[in-house]
Amino acid sequence: MTTPDWLQPLVDAALTVSVDDLTRVPTPADAPRRSAVLILFGEGAEGPDVLLIERAHDMRSHAGQPAFPGGAIDATDVDAIAAALREATEETGLDAEGVEVLAVLPDLYIPPSGFVVTPVLAWWRAPSAVRPVDAAEVASVHRVPLTELTDPSRRCRVRHPSGYVGPAFEVRGLLVWGFTGGLLDRLIYLGGWEKPWQPSRVTALPNDIDRPVVRGEQQR
């Protein structure tokens, strides 16, 4: 396996990274809900990129939010790696045979959902076509270039009605924030790709951002 030079610094950092390097939220040892996400870096028509999905807009939780492909670890999954690859395949039609797993990052806790998430870092050695497989779960699939994610003009912070303030990215018509935005922020830093940007630029999220959605309800 040959990792591209631009990705190697992140791979090296991933081998020694700690929870504290990625989040301020401690991970409980006994959290019952476990999931995995696939952080898949590749090289597309616009250079180095990462795979993101946009969740369906009528889901009951996290509706319309951008995310890494992934989901709950099933009893049939051998481990978090198997779960991340399975979920990415189910959501995007990804051919997992073309994916090389590089590292498994520390488990991270998401208090609003109660999930402990295992991020799986991977290299897209042989890219395949991707698309939303099930419109009820995924609205769109994007290969987002690192040039966009590291562009200072596309970076900001968001303020949640709860008071949470965290990093965000405005890319491909999406506002990437929350767990995904925070993890991307740390990965860009660890990979040595970060450029100076203005954290003072803060966008307020709508007050009903976490309101449960009833299927068929008109979206605002």
N, C-alpha and C. Protein backbone atom coordinates (compact mmCIF):
# COMPACT_ATOMS: atom_id res chain seq x y z
N MET A 1 0.84 -1.19 0.00
CA MET A 1 0.00 0.00 0.00
C MET A 1 0.88 1.25 0.00
N THR A 2 0.57 2.18 -0.91
CA THR A 2 1.31 3.42 -0.99
C THR A 2 0.39 4.58 -0.65
N THR A 3 0.68 5.25 0.45
CA THR A 3 -0.10 6.42 0.84
C THR A 3 0.48 7.66 0.17
N PRO A 4 -0.34 8.52 -0.43
CA PRO A 4 0.20 9.72 -1.08
C PRO A 4 0.90 10.63 -0.08
N ASP A 5 1.88 11.37 -0.57
CA ASP A 5 2.68 12.22 0.31
C ASP A 5 1.83 13.22 1.08
N TRP A 6 0.80 13.77 0.44
CA TRP A 6 0.00 14.80 1.10
C TRP A 6 -0.80 14.24 2.28
N LEU A 7 -1.10 12.93 2.26
CA LEU A 7 -1.90 12.31 3.32
C LEU A 7 -1.04 11.73 4.44
N GLN A 8 0.24 11.50 4.19
CA GLN A 8 1.09 10.82 5.16
C GLN A 8 1.19 11.55 6.50
N PRO A 9 1.28 12.89 6.54
CA PRO A 9 1.34 13.55 7.86
C PRO A 9 0.13 13.25 8.74
N LEU A 10 -1.05 13.16 8.13
CA LEU A 10 -2.24 12.83 8.91
C LEU A 10 -2.18 11.39 9.40
N VAL A 11 -1.73 10.49 8.55
CA VAL A 11 -1.61 9.08 8.94
C VAL A 11 -0.63 8.95 10.10
N ASP A 12 0.49 9.64 10.03
CA ASP A 12 1.48 9.59 11.12
C ASP A 12 0.87 10.12 12.42
N ALA A 13 0.13 11.23 12.33
CA ALA A 13 -0.49 11.80 13.52
C ALA A 13 -1.55 10.87 14.09
N ALA A 14 -2.29 10.18 13.21
CA ALA A 14 -3.37 9.30 13.65
C ALA A 14 -2.87 8.14 14.51
N LEU A 15 -1.63 7.75 14.33
CA LEU A 15 -1.09 6.62 15.07
C LEU A 15 -0.86 6.93 16.55
N THR A 16 -0.75 8.22 16.88
CA THR A 16 -0.49 8.60 18.27
C THR A 16 -1.53 9.58 18.82
N VAL A 17 -2.54 9.91 18.04
CA VAL A 17 -3.51 10.92 18.47
C VAL A 17 -4.32 10.41 19.66
N SER A 18 -4.72 11.34 20.53
CA SER A 18 -5.52 10.99 21.70
C SER A 18 -6.90 11.63 21.60
N VAL A 19 -7.80 11.20 22.47
CA VAL A 19 -9.14 11.80 22.51
C VAL A 19 -9.04 13.30 22.73
N ASP A 20 -8.13 13.72 23.62
CA ASP A 20 -7.99 15.14 23.93
C ASP A 20 -7.51 15.96 22.74
N ASP A 21 -6.86 15.31 21.78
CA ASP A 21 -6.43 16.01 20.57
C ASP A 21 -7.59 16.28 19.63
N LEU A 22 -8.70 15.56 19.84
CA LEU A 22 -9.82 15.63 18.90
C LEU A 22 -11.05 16.30 19.47
N THR A 23 -11.23 16.24 20.80
CA THR A 23 -12.44 16.80 21.40
C THR A 23 -12.19 17.13 22.86
N ARG A 24 -13.04 18.00 23.39
CA ARG A 24 -12.99 18.31 24.82
C ARG A 24 -13.94 17.43 25.62
N VAL A 25 -14.74 16.63 24.94
CA VAL A 25 -15.76 15.81 25.59
C VAL A 25 -15.18 14.45 25.95
N PRO A 26 -15.14 14.07 27.22
CA PRO A 26 -14.61 12.76 27.60
C PRO A 26 -15.53 11.64 27.11
N THR A 27 -14.94 10.49 26.82
CA THR A 27 -15.69 9.34 26.32
C THR A 27 -16.00 8.39 27.47
N PRO A 28 -17.28 8.15 27.76
CA PRO A 28 -17.62 7.21 28.84
C PRO A 28 -17.24 5.78 28.46
N ALA A 29 -16.81 5.01 29.43
CA ALA A 29 -16.36 3.65 29.15
C ALA A 29 -17.52 2.69 28.93
N ASP A 30 -18.72 3.05 29.41
CA ASP A 30 -19.84 2.12 29.37
C ASP A 30 -20.99 2.59 28.49
N ALA A 31 -20.73 3.46 27.52
CA ALA A 31 -21.81 3.94 26.65
C ALA A 31 -22.38 2.77 25.85
N PRO A 32 -23.71 2.56 25.89
CA PRO A 32 -24.30 1.38 25.25
C PRO A 32 -24.47 1.52 23.74
N ARG A 33 -24.46 2.74 23.22
CA ARG A 33 -24.73 2.95 21.81
C ARG A 33 -23.41 3.23 21.08
N ARG A 34 -23.06 2.37 20.14
CA ARG A 34 -21.77 2.49 19.46
C ARG A 34 -21.98 2.53 17.95
N SER A 35 -21.18 3.36 17.30
CA SER A 35 -21.26 3.49 15.85
C SER A 35 -19.87 3.74 15.29
N ALA A 36 -19.78 3.77 13.98
CA ALA A 36 -18.50 4.00 13.30
C ALA A 36 -18.74 4.85 12.06
N VAL A 37 -17.77 5.68 11.73
CA VAL A 37 -17.85 6.49 10.51
C VAL A 37 -16.59 6.26 9.68
N LEU A 38 -16.74 6.40 8.37
CA LEU A 38 -15.61 6.24 7.46
C LEU A 38 -15.14 7.61 6.99
N ILE A 39 -13.89 7.94 7.34
CA ILE A 39 -13.28 9.18 6.88
C ILE A 39 -12.41 8.80 5.68
N LEU A 40 -12.98 8.95 4.49
CA LEU A 40 -12.36 8.42 3.29
C LEU A 40 -11.75 9.54 2.44
N PHE A 41 -10.43 9.57 2.39
CA PHE A 41 -9.71 10.54 1.57
C PHE A 41 -9.36 9.91 0.23
N GLY A 42 -9.49 10.70 -0.83
CA GLY A 42 -9.15 10.23 -2.16
C GLY A 42 -8.54 11.34 -2.99
N GLU A 43 -8.34 11.05 -4.25
CA GLU A 43 -7.87 12.06 -5.20
C GLU A 43 -8.82 12.04 -6.39
N GLY A 44 -9.57 13.13 -6.54
CA GLY A 44 -10.55 13.23 -7.61
C GLY A 44 -10.12 14.23 -8.67
N ALA A 45 -11.08 14.64 -9.47
CA ALA A 45 -10.80 15.57 -10.57
C ALA A 45 -10.29 16.92 -10.07
N GLU A 46 -10.63 17.26 -8.82
CA GLU A 46 -10.22 18.55 -8.25
C GLU A 46 -9.14 18.37 -7.19
N GLY A 47 -8.43 17.26 -7.23
CA GLY A 47 -7.34 17.04 -6.28
C GLY A 47 -7.79 16.25 -5.07
N PRO A 48 -6.99 16.28 -3.99
CA PRO A 48 -7.33 15.54 -2.77
C PRO A 48 -8.71 15.93 -2.24
N ASP A 49 -9.46 14.94 -1.79
CA ASP A 49 -10.81 15.22 -1.31
C ASP A 49 -11.21 14.24 -0.22
N VAL A 50 -12.39 14.49 0.36
CA VAL A 50 -12.94 13.61 1.39
C VAL A 50 -14.41 13.37 1.07
N LEU A 51 -14.89 12.18 1.39
CA LEU A 51 -16.26 11.80 1.07
C LEU A 51 -17.21 12.20 2.20
N LEU A 52 -18.27 12.95 1.84
CA LEU A 52 -19.30 13.34 2.79
C LEU A 52 -20.68 13.03 2.21
N ILE A 53 -21.63 12.80 3.09
CA ILE A 53 -23.01 12.64 2.67
C ILE A 53 -23.85 13.76 3.28
N GLU A 54 -25.00 14.03 2.68
CA GLU A 54 -26.00 14.91 3.27
C GLU A 54 -27.18 14.02 3.66
N ARG A 55 -27.51 14.02 4.93
CA ARG A 55 -28.59 13.17 5.41
C ARG A 55 -29.93 13.65 4.83
N ALA A 56 -30.85 12.73 4.65
CA ALA A 56 -32.16 13.06 4.10
C ALA A 56 -32.83 14.15 4.95
N HIS A 57 -33.60 14.99 4.29
CA HIS A 57 -34.15 16.16 4.96
C HIS A 57 -35.39 15.86 5.81
N ASP A 58 -35.92 14.65 5.73
CA ASP A 58 -37.09 14.33 6.54
C ASP A 58 -36.80 13.24 7.56
N MET A 59 -35.52 13.07 7.90
CA MET A 59 -35.19 12.11 8.95
C MET A 59 -35.58 12.66 10.31
N ARG A 60 -35.78 11.76 11.25
CA ARG A 60 -36.23 12.19 12.58
C ARG A 60 -35.12 12.86 13.40
N SER A 61 -33.87 12.57 13.07
CA SER A 61 -32.78 13.22 13.79
C SER A 61 -31.70 13.63 12.80
N HIS A 62 -31.06 14.75 13.08
CA HIS A 62 -29.98 15.28 12.26
C HIS A 62 -30.39 15.43 10.79
N ALA A 63 -31.64 15.80 10.57
CA ALA A 63 -32.17 15.92 9.21
C ALA A 63 -31.38 16.95 8.41
N GLY A 64 -30.98 16.56 7.20
CA GLY A 64 -30.30 17.46 6.29
C GLY A 64 -28.87 17.79 6.64
N GLN A 65 -28.34 17.21 7.69
CA GLN A 65 -26.99 17.56 8.11
C GLN A 65 -25.94 16.78 7.32
N PRO A 66 -24.85 17.43 6.92
CA PRO A 66 -23.73 16.72 6.30
C PRO A 66 -23.03 15.85 7.34
N ALA A 67 -22.46 14.74 6.88
CA ALA A 67 -21.81 13.81 7.79
C ALA A 67 -20.85 12.92 7.03
N PHE A 68 -19.98 12.25 7.77
CA PHE A 68 -19.21 11.16 7.19
C PHE A 68 -20.15 9.97 7.02
N PRO A 69 -19.97 9.14 6.00
CA PRO A 69 -20.76 7.92 5.92
C PRO A 69 -20.54 7.08 7.18
N GLY A 70 -21.58 6.45 7.66
CA GLY A 70 -21.43 5.61 8.84
C GLY A 70 -22.74 5.38 9.55
N GLY A 71 -22.68 4.64 10.64
CA GLY A 71 -23.88 4.34 11.40
C GLY A 71 -23.60 3.37 12.51
N ALA A 72 -24.65 2.84 13.09
CA ALA A 72 -24.54 1.97 14.25
C ALA A 72 -23.78 0.69 13.92
N ILE A 73 -23.01 0.22 14.89
CA ILE A 73 -22.31 -1.06 14.76
C ILE A 73 -23.29 -2.18 15.08
N ASP A 74 -23.52 -3.05 14.10
CA ASP A 74 -24.45 -4.16 14.29
C ASP A 74 -23.75 -5.35 14.94
N ALA A 75 -24.57 -6.25 15.48
CA ALA A 75 -24.02 -7.46 16.10
C ALA A 75 -23.30 -8.34 15.09
N THR A 76 -23.66 -8.20 13.81
CA THR A 76 -23.02 -9.01 12.76
C THR A 76 -21.70 -8.41 12.27
N ASP A 77 -21.38 -7.19 12.68
CA ASP A 77 -20.12 -6.56 12.27
C ASP A 77 -18.97 -7.11 13.11
N VAL A 78 -17.89 -7.47 12.44
CA VAL A 78 -16.73 -8.00 13.16
C VAL A 78 -16.13 -6.95 14.08
N ASP A 79 -16.08 -5.70 13.60
CA ASP A 79 -15.51 -4.61 14.37
C ASP A 79 -15.97 -3.29 13.78
N ALA A 80 -15.41 -2.19 14.31
CA ALA A 80 -15.80 -0.86 13.84
C ALA A 80 -15.42 -0.64 12.38
N ILE A 81 -14.32 -1.21 11.94
CA ILE A 81 -13.90 -1.07 10.55
C ILE A 81 -14.95 -1.70 9.63
N ALA A 82 -15.39 -2.89 9.98
CA ALA A 82 -16.40 -3.57 9.17
C ALA A 82 -17.70 -2.77 9.13
N ALA A 83 -18.07 -2.19 10.26
CA ALA A 83 -19.30 -1.39 10.33
C ALA A 83 -19.19 -0.14 9.46
N ALA A 84 -18.05 0.55 9.54
CA ALA A 84 -17.87 1.77 8.75
C ALA A 84 -17.92 1.48 7.26
N LEU A 85 -17.27 0.42 6.83
CA LEU A 85 -17.27 0.05 5.42
C LEU A 85 -18.66 -0.40 4.96
N ARG A 86 -19.34 -1.16 5.80
CA ARG A 86 -20.69 -1.62 5.45
C ARG A 86 -21.64 -0.45 5.30
N GLU A 87 -21.62 0.44 6.29
CA GLU A 87 -22.53 1.59 6.25
C GLU A 87 -22.23 2.50 5.05
N ALA A 88 -20.95 2.73 4.76
CA ALA A 88 -20.59 3.57 3.62
C ALA A 88 -21.07 2.95 2.31
N THR A 89 -20.98 1.63 2.22
CA THR A 89 -21.45 0.93 1.03
C THR A 89 -22.97 1.04 0.90
N GLU A 90 -23.68 0.86 2.01
CA GLU A 90 -25.13 0.93 2.00
C GLU A 90 -25.63 2.33 1.69
N GLU A 91 -24.90 3.34 2.12
CA GLU A 91 -25.34 4.73 1.93
C GLU A 91 -24.94 5.32 0.59
N THR A 92 -23.78 4.95 0.08
CA THR A 92 -23.25 5.62 -1.11
C THR A 92 -22.99 4.70 -2.29
N GLY A 93 -23.13 3.40 -2.12
CA GLY A 93 -22.80 2.47 -3.20
C GLY A 93 -21.31 2.27 -3.38
N LEU A 94 -20.53 2.73 -2.44
CA LEU A 94 -19.07 2.60 -2.47
C LEU A 94 -18.64 1.15 -2.65
N ASP A 95 -17.61 0.92 -3.49
CA ASP A 95 -17.00 -0.40 -3.61
C ASP A 95 -15.88 -0.48 -2.58
N ALA A 96 -16.13 -1.19 -1.49
CA ALA A 96 -15.18 -1.24 -0.38
C ALA A 96 -13.87 -1.92 -0.76
N GLU A 97 -13.86 -2.68 -1.86
CA GLU A 97 -12.62 -3.34 -2.29
C GLU A 97 -11.55 -2.32 -2.66
N GLY A 98 -11.96 -1.12 -3.01
CA GLY A 98 -11.00 -0.09 -3.39
C GLY A 98 -10.55 0.79 -2.25
N VAL A 99 -10.90 0.42 -1.02
CA VAL A 99 -10.59 1.23 0.16
C VAL A 99 -9.51 0.56 1.00
N GLU A 100 -8.49 1.31 1.37
CA GLU A 100 -7.43 0.84 2.26
C GLU A 100 -7.55 1.54 3.61
N VAL A 101 -7.81 0.79 4.66
CA VAL A 101 -7.91 1.37 6.00
C VAL A 101 -6.51 1.71 6.50
N LEU A 102 -6.35 2.94 6.98
CA LEU A 102 -5.04 3.42 7.42
C LEU A 102 -4.89 3.46 8.93
N ALA A 103 -5.97 3.78 9.62
CA ALA A 103 -5.89 3.90 11.08
C ALA A 103 -7.30 3.95 11.66
N VAL A 104 -7.40 3.57 12.92
CA VAL A 104 -8.64 3.72 13.67
C VAL A 104 -8.39 4.75 14.76
N LEU A 105 -9.15 5.83 14.73
CA LEU A 105 -8.96 6.92 15.69
C LEU A 105 -9.64 6.58 17.01
N PRO A 106 -9.32 7.31 18.07
CA PRO A 106 -9.94 7.05 19.37
C PRO A 106 -11.46 7.22 19.32
N ASP A 107 -12.15 6.46 20.15
CA ASP A 107 -13.60 6.59 20.25
C ASP A 107 -13.96 7.99 20.74
N LEU A 108 -15.01 8.56 20.15
CA LEU A 108 -15.45 9.90 20.49
C LEU A 108 -16.93 9.86 20.90
N TYR A 109 -17.27 10.64 21.90
CA TYR A 109 -18.63 10.62 22.45
C TYR A 109 -19.42 11.81 21.91
N ILE A 110 -20.68 11.54 21.50
CA ILE A 110 -21.59 12.60 21.05
C ILE A 110 -22.73 12.69 22.06
N PRO A 111 -22.68 13.62 23.01
CA PRO A 111 -23.68 13.68 24.09
C PRO A 111 -25.13 13.78 23.60
N PRO A 112 -25.47 14.58 22.57
CA PRO A 112 -26.88 14.70 22.19
C PRO A 112 -27.52 13.36 21.80
N SER A 113 -26.76 12.50 21.14
CA SER A 113 -27.31 11.22 20.69
C SER A 113 -26.96 10.07 21.63
N GLY A 114 -25.94 10.25 22.47
CA GLY A 114 -25.51 9.20 23.37
C GLY A 114 -24.65 8.15 22.70
N PHE A 115 -24.24 8.40 21.45
CA PHE A 115 -23.41 7.44 20.72
C PHE A 115 -21.93 7.65 21.01
N VAL A 116 -21.20 6.55 21.10
CA VAL A 116 -19.75 6.58 21.03
C VAL A 116 -19.39 6.20 19.60
N VAL A 117 -18.64 7.08 18.93
CA VAL A 117 -18.34 6.90 17.51
C VAL A 117 -16.86 6.56 17.32
N THR A 118 -16.59 5.53 16.53
CA THR A 118 -15.22 5.17 16.17
C THR A 118 -14.94 5.67 14.76
N PRO A 119 -14.07 6.67 14.59
CA PRO A 119 -13.74 7.14 13.25
C PRO A 119 -12.67 6.25 12.61
N VAL A 120 -12.92 5.80 11.39
CA VAL A 120 -12.00 4.93 10.65
C VAL A 120 -11.41 5.75 9.50
N LEU A 121 -10.11 5.96 9.55
CA LEU A 121 -9.40 6.74 8.54
C LEU A 121 -8.98 5.83 7.39
N ALA A 122 -9.27 6.24 6.15
CA ALA A 122 -8.98 5.36 5.02
C ALA A 122 -8.56 6.15 3.78
N TRP A 123 -7.89 5.41 2.87
CA TRP A 123 -7.42 5.94 1.60
C TRP A 123 -8.20 5.27 0.47
N TRP A 124 -8.73 6.07 -0.45
CA TRP A 124 -9.51 5.56 -1.57
C TRP A 124 -8.56 5.17 -2.70
N ARG A 125 -8.00 4.01 -2.57
CA ARG A 125 -6.98 3.54 -3.51
C ARG A 125 -7.52 3.39 -4.93
N ALA A 126 -8.74 2.86 -5.05
CA ALA A 126 -9.37 2.66 -6.36
C ALA A 126 -10.78 3.24 -6.29
N PRO A 127 -10.95 4.54 -6.58
CA PRO A 127 -12.26 5.19 -6.45
C PRO A 127 -13.33 4.52 -7.31
N SER A 128 -14.53 4.48 -6.78
CA SER A 128 -15.69 3.95 -7.49
C SER A 128 -16.77 5.01 -7.51
N ALA A 129 -17.75 4.81 -8.37
CA ALA A 129 -18.86 5.76 -8.45
C ALA A 129 -19.66 5.72 -7.15
N VAL A 130 -20.10 6.88 -6.68
CA VAL A 130 -20.90 6.96 -5.46
C VAL A 130 -22.15 7.78 -5.74
N ARG A 131 -23.20 7.49 -4.97
CA ARG A 131 -24.49 8.14 -5.16
C ARG A 131 -25.34 7.86 -3.92
N PRO A 132 -26.45 8.57 -3.73
CA PRO A 132 -27.37 8.20 -2.66
C PRO A 132 -28.06 6.89 -3.01
N VAL A 133 -27.86 5.87 -2.21
CA VAL A 133 -28.47 4.57 -2.48
C VAL A 133 -29.93 4.55 -2.05
N ASP A 134 -30.23 5.12 -0.89
CA ASP A 134 -31.59 5.15 -0.35
C ASP A 134 -31.94 6.60 -0.05
N ALA A 135 -32.87 7.18 -0.84
CA ALA A 135 -33.24 8.58 -0.67
C ALA A 135 -33.88 8.85 0.68
N ALA A 136 -34.36 7.82 1.35
CA ALA A 136 -34.95 8.00 2.67
C ALA A 136 -33.89 8.26 3.73
N GLU A 137 -32.63 7.95 3.40
CA GLU A 137 -31.55 8.15 4.36
C GLU A 137 -30.53 9.19 3.91
N VAL A 138 -30.25 9.24 2.62
CA VAL A 138 -29.20 10.13 2.10
C VAL A 138 -29.76 11.00 0.98
N ALA A 139 -29.60 12.33 1.14
CA ALA A 139 -30.09 13.26 0.13
C ALA A 139 -29.08 13.45 -0.99
N SER A 140 -27.79 13.48 -0.65
CA SER A 140 -26.76 13.70 -1.65
C SER A 140 -25.42 13.18 -1.13
N VAL A 141 -24.51 12.93 -2.07
CA VAL A 141 -23.17 12.43 -1.75
C VAL A 141 -22.16 13.35 -2.43
N HIS A 142 -21.09 13.70 -1.72
CA HIS A 142 -20.14 14.68 -2.23
C HIS A 142 -18.70 14.25 -1.97
N ARG A 143 -17.85 14.44 -2.98
CA ARG A 143 -16.41 14.37 -2.80
C ARG A 143 -15.94 15.82 -2.67
N VAL A 144 -15.67 16.24 -1.45
CA VAL A 144 -15.36 17.64 -1.16
C VAL A 144 -13.85 17.85 -1.21
N PRO A 145 -13.35 18.69 -2.12
CA PRO A 145 -11.91 18.90 -2.23
C PRO A 145 -11.33 19.57 -0.97
N LEU A 146 -10.13 19.18 -0.61
CA LEU A 146 -9.45 19.80 0.52
C LEU A 146 -9.20 21.28 0.27
N THR A 147 -9.06 21.67 -1.00
CA THR A 147 -8.87 23.09 -1.30
C THR A 147 -10.06 23.92 -0.83
N GLU A 148 -11.26 23.34 -0.85
CA GLU A 148 -12.43 24.06 -0.36
C GLU A 148 -12.48 24.05 1.16
N LEU A 149 -12.20 22.91 1.75
CA LEU A 149 -12.26 22.80 3.21
C LEU A 149 -11.20 23.66 3.89
N THR A 150 -10.09 23.90 3.23
CA THR A 150 -9.02 24.71 3.83
C THR A 150 -9.07 26.17 3.39
N ASP A 151 -10.00 26.52 2.52
CA ASP A 151 -10.15 27.90 2.06
C ASP A 151 -10.67 28.76 3.22
N PRO A 152 -9.91 29.75 3.69
CA PRO A 152 -10.34 30.56 4.84
C PRO A 152 -11.71 31.20 4.65
N SER A 153 -12.08 31.53 3.41
CA SER A 153 -13.37 32.18 3.15
C SER A 153 -14.54 31.23 3.34
N ARG A 154 -14.28 29.93 3.41
CA ARG A 154 -15.34 28.94 3.58
C ARG A 154 -15.43 28.44 5.02
N ARG A 155 -14.58 28.98 5.90
CA ARG A 155 -14.56 28.54 7.29
C ARG A 155 -15.26 29.56 8.19
N CYS A 156 -15.95 29.05 9.19
CA CYS A 156 -16.63 29.91 10.16
C CYS A 156 -16.88 29.08 11.41
N ARG A 157 -17.58 29.65 12.36
CA ARG A 157 -18.08 28.89 13.50
C ARG A 157 -19.59 29.05 13.54
N VAL A 158 -20.26 28.08 14.13
CA VAL A 158 -21.71 28.16 14.28
C VAL A 158 -22.06 28.21 15.75
N ARG A 159 -23.16 28.90 16.04
CA ARG A 159 -23.67 28.95 17.42
C ARG A 159 -25.01 28.22 17.45
N HIS A 160 -25.06 27.16 18.25
CA HIS A 160 -26.27 26.37 18.41
C HIS A 160 -27.17 27.04 19.45
N PRO A 161 -28.51 26.91 19.35
CA PRO A 161 -29.40 27.51 20.36
C PRO A 161 -29.06 27.08 21.79
N SER A 162 -28.43 25.92 21.96
CA SER A 162 -28.04 25.45 23.30
C SER A 162 -26.88 26.24 23.88
N GLY A 163 -26.21 27.02 23.03
CA GLY A 163 -25.03 27.75 23.46
C GLY A 163 -23.73 27.20 22.90
N TYR A 164 -23.78 25.98 22.35
CA TYR A 164 -22.59 25.38 21.74
C TYR A 164 -22.10 26.24 20.58
N VAL A 165 -20.78 26.44 20.54
CA VAL A 165 -20.14 27.14 19.42
C VAL A 165 -19.01 26.25 18.91
N GLY A 166 -19.01 25.97 17.63
CA GLY A 166 -17.99 25.08 17.08
C GLY A 166 -17.68 25.38 15.64
N PRO A 167 -16.61 24.79 15.12
CA PRO A 167 -16.16 25.07 13.76
C PRO A 167 -17.12 24.53 12.70
N ALA A 168 -17.13 25.22 11.56
CA ALA A 168 -18.02 24.82 10.46
C ALA A 168 -17.36 25.16 9.13
N PHE A 169 -17.91 24.56 8.07
CA PHE A 169 -17.40 24.75 6.72
C PHE A 169 -18.58 24.97 5.78
N GLU A 170 -18.45 25.95 4.88
CA GLU A 170 -19.49 26.20 3.88
C GLU A 170 -18.96 25.69 2.54
N VAL A 171 -19.38 24.48 2.16
CA VAL A 171 -18.85 23.84 0.95
C VAL A 171 -19.99 23.14 0.20
N ARG A 172 -19.94 23.18 -1.12
CA ARG A 172 -20.89 22.46 -1.97
C ARG A 172 -22.35 22.75 -1.60
N GLY A 173 -22.62 23.98 -1.18
CA GLY A 173 -23.97 24.34 -0.78
C GLY A 173 -24.40 23.76 0.55
N LEU A 174 -23.44 23.23 1.31
CA LEU A 174 -23.72 22.61 2.60
C LEU A 174 -23.04 23.39 3.72
N LEU A 175 -23.65 23.37 4.90
CA LEU A 175 -23.01 23.88 6.10
C LEU A 175 -22.62 22.67 6.94
N VAL A 176 -21.32 22.37 6.99
CA VAL A 176 -20.82 21.21 7.71
C VAL A 176 -20.45 21.66 9.13
N TRP A 177 -21.15 21.13 10.13
CA TRP A 177 -20.91 21.58 11.51
C TRP A 177 -21.06 20.37 12.46
N GLY A 178 -21.16 20.66 13.74
CA GLY A 178 -21.37 19.60 14.73
C GLY A 178 -20.19 18.63 14.80
N PHE A 179 -20.50 17.36 15.02
CA PHE A 179 -19.45 16.34 15.14
C PHE A 179 -18.57 16.31 13.90
N THR A 180 -19.18 16.33 12.72
CA THR A 180 -18.41 16.25 11.47
C THR A 180 -17.53 17.47 11.28
N GLY A 181 -18.08 18.65 11.51
CA GLY A 181 -17.29 19.87 11.37
C GLY A 181 -16.15 19.93 12.36
N GLY A 182 -16.41 19.51 13.61
CA GLY A 182 -15.36 19.54 14.61
C GLY A 182 -14.24 18.56 14.31
N LEU A 183 -14.60 17.37 13.83
CA LEU A 183 -13.58 16.37 13.51
C LEU A 183 -12.78 16.79 12.28
N LEU A 184 -13.45 17.34 11.27
CA LEU A 184 -12.72 17.84 10.10
C LEU A 184 -11.74 18.94 10.49
N ASP A 185 -12.16 19.81 11.39
CA ASP A 185 -11.29 20.88 11.86
C ASP A 185 -10.01 20.31 12.46
N ARG A 186 -10.13 19.29 13.28
CA ARG A 186 -8.95 18.68 13.91
C ARG A 186 -8.09 17.91 12.90
N LEU A 187 -8.72 17.23 11.97
CA LEU A 187 -7.96 16.47 10.97
C LEU A 187 -7.17 17.40 10.05
N ILE A 188 -7.77 18.50 9.69
CA ILE A 188 -7.08 19.48 8.84
C ILE A 188 -5.87 20.05 9.58
N TYR A 189 -6.04 20.28 10.88
CA TYR A 189 -4.91 20.76 11.68
C TYR A 189 -3.82 19.70 11.78
N LEU A 190 -4.21 18.47 12.10
CA LEU A 190 -3.22 17.40 12.27
C LEU A 190 -2.52 17.06 10.96
N GLY A 191 -3.21 17.24 9.84
CA GLY A 191 -2.60 16.96 8.54
C GLY A 191 -1.67 18.06 8.06
N GLY A 192 -1.64 19.18 8.80
CA GLY A 192 -0.78 20.30 8.40
C GLY A 192 -1.35 21.10 7.25
N TRP A 193 -2.65 21.02 7.04
CA TRP A 193 -3.28 21.69 5.90
C TRP A 193 -3.95 23.01 6.27
N GLU A 194 -4.03 23.32 7.54
CA GLU A 194 -4.79 24.49 7.98
C GLU A 194 -4.13 25.79 7.52
N LYS A 195 -5.00 26.73 7.10
CA LYS A 195 -4.58 28.08 6.76
C LYS A 195 -5.25 29.04 7.74
N PRO A 196 -4.63 30.20 7.99
CA PRO A 196 -5.24 31.15 8.92
C PRO A 196 -6.65 31.54 8.48
N TRP A 197 -7.59 31.50 9.44
CA TRP A 197 -8.97 31.91 9.13
C TRP A 197 -9.53 32.70 10.30
N GLN A 198 -10.74 33.21 10.18
CA GLN A 198 -11.30 34.12 11.17
C GLN A 198 -12.35 33.43 12.04
N PRO A 199 -11.97 32.92 13.21
CA PRO A 199 -12.95 32.28 14.11
C PRO A 199 -14.01 33.25 14.61
N SER A 200 -13.77 34.55 14.45
CA SER A 200 -14.74 35.54 14.91
C SER A 200 -15.99 35.57 14.02
N ARG A 201 -15.92 34.93 12.86
CA ARG A 201 -17.08 34.86 11.97
C ARG A 201 -18.00 33.74 12.44
N VAL A 202 -19.12 34.13 13.07
CA VAL A 202 -20.02 33.16 13.70
C VAL A 202 -21.40 33.23 13.05
N THR A 203 -21.94 32.09 12.71
CA THR A 203 -23.28 31.97 12.13
C THR A 203 -24.20 31.31 13.14
N ALA A 204 -25.37 31.91 13.38
CA ALA A 204 -26.34 31.34 14.32
C ALA A 204 -27.19 30.29 13.62
N LEU A 205 -27.33 29.13 14.23
CA LEU A 205 -28.21 28.09 13.71
C LEU A 205 -29.65 28.40 14.11
N PRO A 206 -30.64 27.96 13.31
CA PRO A 206 -32.04 28.24 13.67
C PRO A 206 -32.45 27.57 14.96
N ASN A 207 -33.42 28.16 15.64
CA ASN A 207 -33.85 27.64 16.94
C ASN A 207 -34.43 26.24 16.87
N ASP A 208 -34.97 25.85 15.70
CA ASP A 208 -35.60 24.53 15.60
C ASP A 208 -34.67 23.51 14.94
N ILE A 209 -33.36 23.76 15.00
CA ILE A 209 -32.41 22.91 14.29
C ILE A 209 -32.50 21.45 14.70
N ASP A 210 -32.84 21.14 15.94
CA ASP A 210 -32.89 19.76 16.40
C ASP A 210 -34.31 19.25 16.58
N ARG A 211 -35.28 20.00 16.07
CA ARG A 211 -36.68 19.57 16.24
C ARG A 211 -36.95 18.30 15.45
N PRO A 212 -37.56 17.27 16.06
CA PRO A 212 -37.88 16.04 15.32
C PRO A 212 -38.75 16.35 14.12
N VAL A 213 -38.52 15.65 13.03
CA VAL A 213 -39.26 15.85 11.79
C VAL A 213 -40.20 14.68 11.57
N VAL A 214 -41.43 14.97 11.18
CA VAL A 214 -42.39 13.93 10.83
C VAL A 214 -42.32 13.71 9.33
N ARG A 215 -42.20 12.48 8.90
CA ARG A 215 -42.07 12.19 7.47
C ARG A 215 -43.27 12.76 6.71
N GLY A 216 -42.97 13.44 5.60
CA GLY A 216 -44.00 14.05 4.78
C GLY A 216 -44.27 15.49 5.16
N GLU A 217 -43.74 15.94 6.29
CA GLU A 217 -43.94 17.33 6.72
C GLU A 217 -43.21 18.27 5.79
N GLN A 218 -43.81 19.40 5.47
CA GLN A 218 -43.20 20.40 4.61
C GLN A 218 -41.96 20.98 5.30
N GLN A 219 -40.83 20.97 4.57
CA GLN A 219 -39.61 21.51 5.14
C GLN A 219 -39.53 23.01 4.96
N ARG A 220 -38.94 23.69 5.94
CA ARG A 220 -38.80 25.14 5.85
C ARG A 220 -37.43 25.50 5.31
